Protein backbone atom coordinates (compact mmCIF):
# COMPACT_ATOMS: atom_id res chain seq x y z
CA MET A 1 156.99 -69.65 -8.20
CA SER A 2 154.09 -71.47 -6.27
CA ASP A 3 153.45 -71.03 -2.66
CA LEU A 4 154.11 -74.72 -1.65
CA GLN A 5 157.23 -76.52 0.58
CA PRO A 6 159.08 -78.90 -0.91
CA ASP A 7 157.73 -82.45 -0.08
CA HIS A 8 159.68 -85.10 1.38
CA ALA A 9 161.27 -87.04 -1.78
CA GLU A 10 162.24 -83.19 -3.04
CA GLU A 11 163.74 -82.28 0.09
CA ARG A 12 165.80 -86.03 0.51
CA PHE A 13 167.30 -85.63 -2.96
CA ALA A 14 167.43 -81.62 -3.71
CA GLY A 15 171.54 -82.73 -3.62
CA THR A 16 171.51 -84.47 -6.64
CA SER A 17 168.52 -84.15 -8.71
CA ASP A 18 166.94 -81.17 -10.71
CA ASP A 19 163.63 -81.21 -10.59
CA ALA A 20 163.69 -84.99 -11.52
CA ILE A 21 160.97 -85.53 -8.89
CA PRO A 22 157.29 -84.37 -9.75
CA SER A 23 155.57 -83.74 -6.79
CA ARG A 24 152.59 -81.67 -5.69
CA GLY A 25 154.20 -78.02 -7.02
CA PHE A 26 153.79 -79.39 -10.52
CA GLN A 27 151.27 -79.55 -12.54
CA LEU A 28 149.26 -82.60 -12.46
CA LEU A 29 148.69 -84.04 -15.77
CA PRO A 30 145.37 -86.08 -16.77
CA LEU A 31 145.67 -89.75 -16.76
CA VAL A 32 143.39 -91.63 -18.68
CA GLY A 33 142.56 -95.35 -18.31
CA LEU A 34 141.41 -97.81 -21.11
CA GLY A 35 141.27 -101.28 -21.65
CA GLY A 36 139.29 -104.03 -23.37
CA SER A 37 139.51 -106.92 -24.83
CA ALA A 38 140.99 -108.44 -28.43
CA GLY A 39 137.76 -107.29 -29.54
CA SER A 40 138.59 -103.95 -28.70
CA ILE A 41 141.21 -103.16 -30.99
CA PRO A 42 139.46 -101.41 -34.12
CA ALA A 43 138.01 -98.75 -32.05
CA LEU A 44 141.42 -98.01 -29.25
CA GLN A 45 143.23 -97.66 -32.53
CA ALA A 46 140.90 -95.72 -34.59
CA PHE A 47 140.48 -93.32 -31.07
CA PHE A 48 144.41 -92.60 -30.62
CA ARG A 49 143.89 -91.56 -34.60
CA SER A 50 142.11 -89.01 -33.95
CA MET A 51 143.08 -88.20 -30.43
CA PRO A 52 144.69 -84.80 -31.66
CA ALA A 53 148.92 -85.49 -30.24
CA ASP A 54 149.26 -81.79 -27.31
CA SER A 55 145.83 -83.21 -25.78
CA GLY A 56 147.68 -83.38 -22.66
CA MET A 57 146.26 -86.10 -21.48
CA ALA A 58 148.33 -89.45 -20.52
CA PHE A 59 146.63 -92.70 -21.82
CA VAL A 60 146.89 -96.30 -20.63
CA VAL A 61 145.97 -99.37 -22.55
CA VAL A 62 145.50 -102.52 -21.15
CA ILE A 63 144.51 -105.98 -23.98
CA HIS A 64 143.56 -109.15 -23.05
CA LEU A 65 144.25 -111.18 -25.42
CA SER A 66 143.86 -114.19 -24.86
CA THR A 67 147.14 -116.88 -26.07
CA ALA A 68 145.25 -118.21 -29.19
CA HIS A 69 144.91 -114.68 -30.18
CA GLU A 70 147.16 -113.04 -32.54
CA SER A 71 148.29 -109.92 -31.86
CA TRP A 72 147.54 -106.13 -34.24
CA LEU A 73 149.52 -104.16 -31.86
CA GLY A 74 152.26 -104.05 -33.64
């Protein structure tokens, strides 16, 4: 057990949820942000093909596509 005290959200929702609200008591998941333009899509695809599924990281990917550019993300 952790010696951390519940935060205000845990206390407020304690009766309606069962550990549904992440807090200081949970281990933080590393978050990786990646971004680029349409030309970066092949590199991002190669990156994710080589990234292990169980890396323990969460990824946020932001791609800027021109309105004239067809998406390859499907």
